[in-house]
Amino acid sequence: MNRIGMIVLGALVALMVASSTLFVVDQRQFAVLYALGEIKEVIAQPGLKFKLPPPFQNVVFLDRRIQSLDSPETRPIFTAEKKSLVIDWLVKWRVTDPRQFIRNNGTDVRNAEARLSPIVQAALNEEVTKRDVRAMLSSERDKVMQGVIARLQDDAKAFGIEVVDVRIKRVDFASNITEAVYRRMESERKRVANELRSTGQAEGEKIRADADKQREVIVAEAYRDAQKLKGEGDAKASALYADAFGRDPSFAQFYRSLEAYRASFRNKSDVLVVEPNSEFFRAMQGAGSGTAGPRK
């Protein structure tokens, strides 16, 4: 190998050694510097940093941003009134003590989440069992979340993390409880519907009875007025007849005979048998002779 080759090889080796001694710390990370397998330094300030080349020193990075941990599975929790609820939760956390975090969980975030999840679930169980369903569904959710955060503080310090927030995403009844609630709601709605239906029927009967009463009153009053008018008309007619008959009695007798004939022979098939010497027959004979005379 010639002199130029030796220089190039030396430059490459020097470059490799220099690159192994330099590293960049991002503002979103912690840099944990190891010296012979032990933590020597935790670097939080971003920028270009120096270290000894491996195997004397190496560096591991931890994410310092806020992490999210969802409830791994839906487990029923019993309230103070022994009602089973299914609660989905969300925990926000971040690394605050990299040394403590690595001692307890290593450098893998999933190890911390696997240990943190049952602790969160236990803290949530303790808070829920002190409250009833109404409180969990509406009024005391914030108190439950604050209580869980307070219960997690000591465990979080042991993990080298900080619990930033705990949120309850969903509160629901277990499947068997949900079905029972739906059945109870259905029966309640049916009861209300039956009450409204019976009330409507009672109101309908009342309205119909009042309408029938008013109809009877109106018909009775109309019949009364009709009878009154009829009586007045009959009285006026009787007065007119009396006045007319008083002026000419023979005409009155003749008119009454005609009315009697009209009443006797309403149909063509009617037959009347009378004695020849009866006044009715004589009147008919007189009427007949009176009408036959002019024809001759």
Protein backbone atom coordinates (compact mmCIF):
# COMPACT_ATOMS: atom_id res chain seq x y z
CA MET A 1 0.00 0.00 0.00
CA ASN A 2 1.47 3.31 -1.00
CA ARG A 3 1.68 6.43 1.06
CA ILE A 4 -1.51 7.98 -0.35
CA GLY A 5 -3.49 4.86 0.46
CA MET A 6 -2.20 4.90 4.00
CA ILE A 7 -3.25 8.51 4.39
CA VAL A 8 -6.76 7.81 3.08
CA LEU A 9 -7.12 4.76 5.35
CA GLY A 10 -5.95 6.75 8.33
CA ALA A 11 -8.41 9.54 7.52
CA LEU A 12 -11.26 7.05 7.30
CA VAL A 13 -10.37 5.47 10.62
CA ALA A 14 -10.08 8.90 12.23
CA LEU A 15 -13.47 9.87 10.77
CA MET A 16 -15.08 6.72 12.10
CA VAL A 17 -13.61 7.27 15.55
CA ALA A 18 -14.71 10.92 15.52
CA SER A 19 -18.24 10.01 14.42
CA SER A 20 -18.51 7.46 17.24
CA THR A 21 -17.66 10.17 19.74
CA LEU A 22 -20.28 12.63 18.52
CA PHE A 23 -24.06 12.45 18.95
CA VAL A 24 -26.98 14.85 18.69
CA VAL A 25 -29.60 15.25 21.41
CA ASP A 26 -33.05 16.20 20.08
CA GLN A 27 -35.26 18.50 22.16
CA ARG A 28 -37.90 15.74 22.25
CA GLN A 29 -35.49 13.24 23.82
CA PHE A 30 -33.42 12.40 26.85
CA ALA A 31 -29.92 11.09 26.13
CA VAL A 32 -28.70 8.53 28.68
CA LEU A 33 -24.94 8.09 28.58
CA TYR A 34 -23.60 4.67 29.65
CA ALA A 35 -20.02 4.02 30.73
CA LEU A 36 -19.12 0.33 30.84
CA GLY A 37 -22.78 -0.65 31.36
CA GLU A 38 -23.59 1.91 34.05
CA ILE A 39 -25.52 5.17 33.70
CA LYS A 40 -22.99 7.97 33.84
CA GLU A 41 -25.05 10.97 32.77
CA VAL A 42 -28.53 12.00 31.64
CA ILE A 43 -28.46 14.78 29.07
CA ALA A 44 -31.64 16.83 28.68
CA GLN A 45 -30.24 19.86 26.83
CA PRO A 46 -30.47 19.54 23.04
CA GLY A 47 -27.41 19.98 20.84
CA LEU A 48 -24.20 18.29 19.68
CA LYS A 49 -22.53 16.23 22.45
CA PHE A 50 -19.30 14.29 22.87
CA LYS A 51 -18.53 10.88 24.39
CA LEU A 52 -15.86 8.24 24.34
CA PRO A 53 -16.05 5.72 21.54
CA PRO A 54 -17.57 2.29 22.19
CA PRO A 55 -17.15 0.12 24.13
CA PHE A 56 -16.09 2.72 26.67
CA GLN A 57 -19.28 4.77 26.36
CA ASN A 58 -22.57 4.44 24.49
CA VAL A 59 -25.80 6.43 24.47
CA VAL A 60 -29.53 5.49 24.66
CA PHE A 61 -32.38 7.88 23.84
CA LEU A 62 -35.71 8.10 25.66
CA ASP A 63 -38.76 9.94 24.32
CA ARG A 64 -39.64 12.81 26.66
CA ARG A 65 -42.95 13.64 24.97
CA ILE A 66 -46.34 12.85 26.47
CA GLN A 67 -47.39 9.25 25.86
CA SER A 68 -50.93 7.85 25.67
CA LEU A 69 -52.05 4.60 27.29
CA ASP A 70 -55.52 3.21 26.50
CA SER A 71 -57.37 0.66 28.56
CA PRO A 72 -56.25 -2.72 27.17
CA GLU A 73 -59.61 -4.47 27.62
CA THR A 74 -63.06 -3.75 28.96
CA ARG A 75 -63.47 -5.23 32.40
CA PRO A 76 -66.67 -4.81 34.40
CA ILE A 77 -66.41 -2.71 37.56
CA PHE A 78 -69.03 -2.85 40.33
CA THR A 79 -70.40 0.38 41.76
CA ALA A 80 -71.48 1.02 45.35
CA GLU A 81 -74.95 -0.29 44.48
CA LYS A 82 -73.50 -3.49 42.96
CA LYS A 83 -74.17 -2.46 39.36
CA SER A 84 -71.70 -3.67 36.74
CA LEU A 85 -70.16 -0.98 34.53
CA VAL A 86 -67.73 -1.17 31.63
CA ILE A 87 -65.35 1.80 31.60
CA ASP A 88 -62.84 2.75 28.91
CA TRP A 89 -60.07 5.06 30.09
CA LEU A 90 -57.07 6.94 28.75
CA VAL A 91 -53.89 7.92 30.64
CA LYS A 92 -51.43 10.60 29.55
CA TRP A 93 -47.91 10.21 30.97
CA ARG A 94 -44.30 11.15 30.29
CA VAL A 95 -40.79 10.27 31.48
CA THR A 96 -39.47 12.69 34.10
CA ASP A 97 -36.63 10.65 35.73
CA PRO A 98 -34.76 8.67 33.06
CA ARG A 99 -32.50 6.91 35.60
CA GLN A 100 -35.43 5.63 37.63
CA PHE A 101 -37.36 4.76 34.50
CA ILE A 102 -34.53 2.62 33.11
CA ARG A 103 -33.91 0.90 36.46
CA ASN A 104 -37.57 -0.19 36.71
CA ASN A 105 -38.60 -0.63 33.08
CA GLY A 106 -35.52 -0.74 30.91
CA THR A 107 -35.43 1.39 27.80
CA ASP A 108 -38.63 -0.02 26.22
CA VAL A 109 -41.73 2.13 26.80
CA ARG A 110 -43.98 -0.92 26.37
CA ASN A 111 -42.58 -2.42 29.57
CA ALA A 112 -43.69 0.66 31.51
CA GLU A 113 -47.16 0.60 29.95
CA ALA A 114 -47.58 -3.11 30.72
CA ARG A 115 -46.85 -2.40 34.41
CA LEU A 116 -48.81 0.86 34.55
CA SER A 117 -52.04 -0.49 33.04
CA PRO A 118 -53.11 -2.80 35.92
CA ILE A 119 -52.23 -0.09 38.45
CA VAL A 120 -54.50 2.39 36.67
CA GLN A 121 -57.28 -0.22 36.52
CA ALA A 122 -56.95 -0.92 40.26
CA ALA A 123 -57.05 2.79 41.13
CA LEU A 124 -60.12 3.24 38.93
CA ASN A 125 -61.84 0.28 40.61
CA GLU A 126 -61.29 1.83 44.04
CA GLU A 127 -62.81 5.13 42.93
CA VAL A 128 -65.79 3.58 41.17
CA THR A 129 -66.76 1.24 44.01
CA LYS A 130 -67.35 4.29 46.24
CA ARG A 131 -69.96 5.78 43.89
CA ASP A 132 -73.28 4.85 42.35
CA VAL A 133 -74.23 4.64 38.69
CA ARG A 134 -75.77 8.13 38.57
CA ALA A 135 -72.54 9.68 39.84
CA MET A 136 -70.46 7.78 37.30
CA LEU A 137 -72.71 8.73 34.41
CA SER A 138 -72.96 12.43 35.12
CA SER A 139 -71.97 14.39 38.18
CA GLU A 140 -68.72 12.93 39.58
CA ARG A 141 -66.63 11.90 36.60
CA ASP A 142 -64.12 14.67 37.20
CA LYS A 143 -63.77 13.65 40.85
CA VAL A 144 -63.14 10.06 39.80
CA MET A 145 -60.40 11.10 37.35
CA GLN A 146 -58.74 13.36 39.92
CA GLY A 147 -58.89 10.56 42.48
CA VAL A 148 -57.20 8.15 40.08
CA ILE A 149 -54.43 10.68 39.39
CA ALA A 150 -53.86 11.13 43.14
CA ARG A 151 -53.65 7.36 43.66
CA LEU A 152 -51.11 7.01 40.83
CA GLN A 153 -48.64 9.62 42.05
CA ASP A 154 -46.51 7.33 44.25
CA ASP A 155 -46.38 4.52 41.70
CA ALA A 156 -45.57 7.03 38.96
CA LYS A 157 -42.55 8.31 40.91
CA ALA A 158 -41.33 4.74 41.36
CA PHE A 159 -41.54 4.27 37.60
CA GLY A 160 -39.73 7.54 36.92
CA ILE A 161 -42.75 9.02 35.14
CA GLU A 162 -45.40 11.68 35.70
CA VAL A 163 -49.11 11.02 35.15
CA VAL A 164 -50.30 14.12 33.31
CA ASP A 165 -53.98 13.30 32.93
CA VAL A 166 -56.56 10.54 33.27
CA ARG A 167 -59.70 10.56 31.16
CA ILE A 168 -62.79 8.35 31.17
CA LYS A 169 -63.76 7.87 27.53
CA ARG A 170 -66.86 5.73 27.93
CA VAL A 171 -69.08 4.46 30.72
CA ASP A 172 -71.61 1.80 29.82
CA PHE A 173 -73.52 -1.02 31.42
CA ALA A 174 -72.38 -4.59 30.97
CA SER A 175 -74.22 -6.51 28.25
CA ASN A 176 -76.59 -8.33 30.63
CA ILE A 177 -77.30 -5.13 32.57
CA THR A 178 -77.86 -3.22 29.34
CA GLU A 179 -80.50 -5.70 28.24
CA ALA A 180 -82.26 -5.44 31.61
CA VAL A 181 -82.16 -1.65 31.43
CA TYR A 182 -83.65 -1.69 27.94
CA ARG A 183 -86.44 -4.01 29.10
CA ARG A 184 -87.16 -1.75 32.06
CA MET A 185 -87.21 1.31 29.81
CA GLU A 186 -89.53 -0.48 27.39
CA SER A 187 -91.95 -1.47 30.16
CA GLU A 188 -91.86 2.07 31.54
CA ARG A 189 -92.65 3.53 28.13
CA LYS A 190 -95.49 1.05 27.70
CA ARG A 191 -96.87 2.00 31.10
CA VAL A 192 -96.79 5.70 30.20
CA ALA A 193 -98.39 4.95 26.82
CA ASN A 194 -101.18 2.96 28.48
CA GLU A 195 -101.80 5.77 30.95
CA LEU A 196 -102.00 8.31 28.14
CA ARG A 197 -104.25 6.00 26.14
CA SER A 198 -106.62 5.45 29.07
CA THR A 199 -106.63 9.17 29.81
CA GLY A 200 -107.48 9.87 26.17
CA GLN A 201 -110.28 7.32 26.21
CA ALA A 202 -111.72 8.86 29.38
CA GLU A 203 -111.55 12.32 27.84
CA GLY A 204 -113.18 10.96 24.67
CA GLU A 205 -116.05 9.40 26.66
CA LYS A 206 -116.49 12.66 28.54
CA ILE A 207 -116.62 14.66 25.30
CA ARG A 208 -119.06 12.20 23.70
CA ALA A 209 -121.31 12.26 26.78
CA ASP A 210 -121.31 16.04 26.79
CA ALA A 211 -122.09 16.09 23.05
CA ASP A 212 -124.96 13.61 23.54
CA LYS A 213 -126.31 15.74 26.37
CA GLN A 214 -126.15 18.88 24.26
CA ARG A 215 -127.84 17.04 21.35
CA GLU A 216 -130.70 15.88 23.62
CA VAL A 217 -131.13 19.40 24.98
CA ILE A 218 -131.14 20.91 21.47
CA VAL A 219 -133.63 18.32 20.17
CA ALA A 220 -135.89 18.81 23.20
CA GLU A 221 -135.81 22.58 22.84
CA ALA A 222 -136.50 22.29 19.08
CA TYR A 223 -139.43 19.92 19.71
CA ARG A 224 -140.77 22.29 22.36
CA ASP A 225 -140.53 25.24 20.00
CA ALA A 226 -142.13 23.20 17.19
CA GLN A 227 -145.03 22.15 19.39
CA LYS A 228 -145.47 25.71 20.51
CA LEU A 229 -145.55 26.97 16.92
CA LYS A 230 -147.87 24.13 15.93
CA GLY A 231 -150.24 24.98 18.78
CA GLU A 232 -150.22 28.60 17.81
CA GLY A 233 -150.93 27.63 14.19
CA ASP A 234 -153.76 25.28 15.21
CA ALA A 235 -155.26 28.00 17.38
CA LYS A 236 -155.14 30.48 14.52
CA ALA A 237 -156.60 27.88 12.16
CA SER A 238 -159.40 27.07 14.61
CA ALA A 239 -160.14 30.75 14.98
CA LEU A 240 -160.30 31.16 11.19
CA TYR A 241 -162.53 28.08 10.86
CA ALA A 242 -164.88 29.31 13.61
CA ASP A 243 -165.12 32.72 12.04
CA ALA A 244 -165.78 31.25 8.60
CA PHE A 245 -168.27 28.66 9.85
CA GLY A 246 -170.08 31.26 11.93
CA ARG A 247 -170.77 33.33 8.85
CA ASP A 248 -172.29 30.41 6.85
CA PRO A 249 -173.28 27.30 8.89
CA SER A 250 -174.56 25.37 5.83
CA PHE A 251 -171.22 25.85 4.08
CA ALA A 252 -169.47 24.74 7.23
CA GLN A 253 -171.52 21.56 7.32
CA PHE A 254 -170.80 20.96 3.65
CA TYR A 255 -167.06 21.48 4.14
CA ARG A 256 -166.99 19.05 7.03
CA SER A 257 -168.79 16.49 4.91
CA LEU A 258 -166.14 16.88 2.24
CA GLU A 259 -163.40 16.42 4.84
CA ALA A 260 -165.18 13.28 6.07
CA TYR A 261 -165.40 11.94 2.51
CA ARG A 262 -161.74 12.67 1.92
CA ALA A 263 -160.76 10.86 5.13
CA SER A 264 -163.00 7.87 4.25
CA PHE A 265 -161.76 7.35 0.69
CA ARG A 266 -157.98 7.69 0.79
CA ASN A 267 -157.39 4.83 -1.67
CA LYS A 268 -159.27 3.70 -4.80
CA SER A 269 -159.78 0.26 -3.33
CA ASP A 270 -161.53 1.54 -0.20
CA VAL A 271 -165.16 0.30 0.27
CA LEU A 272 -167.69 1.88 2.62
CA VAL A 273 -171.00 0.19 3.54
CA VAL A 274 -173.71 2.55 4.86
CA GLU A 275 -177.46 2.40 5.37
CA PRO A 276 -179.59 4.18 2.74
CA ASN A 277 -181.36 6.30 5.32
CA SER A 278 -178.15 7.51 7.00
CA GLU A 279 -177.22 11.15 6.82
CA PHE A 280 -173.85 10.26 5.36
CA PHE A 281 -175.51 8.45 2.46
CA ARG A 282 -178.06 11.22 1.97
CA ALA A 283 -175.23 13.74 1.86
CA MET A 284 -173.49 11.71 -0.80
CA GLN A 285 -176.79 11.42 -2.74
CA GLY A 286 -177.30 15.16 -2.42
CA ALA A 287 -173.76 15.76 -3.62
CA GLY A 288 -174.34 13.37 -6.51
CA SER A 289 -177.67 14.90 -7.58
CA GLY A 290 -176.14 18.35 -7.28
CA THR A 291 -173.40 17.41 -9.63
CA ALA A 292 -175.63 15.44 -12.02
CA GLY A 293 -178.15 18.26 -12.56
CA PRO A 294 -175.88 20.61 -14.40
CA ARG A 295 -174.57 17.85 -16.64
CA LYS A 296 -178.14 17.28 -18.05
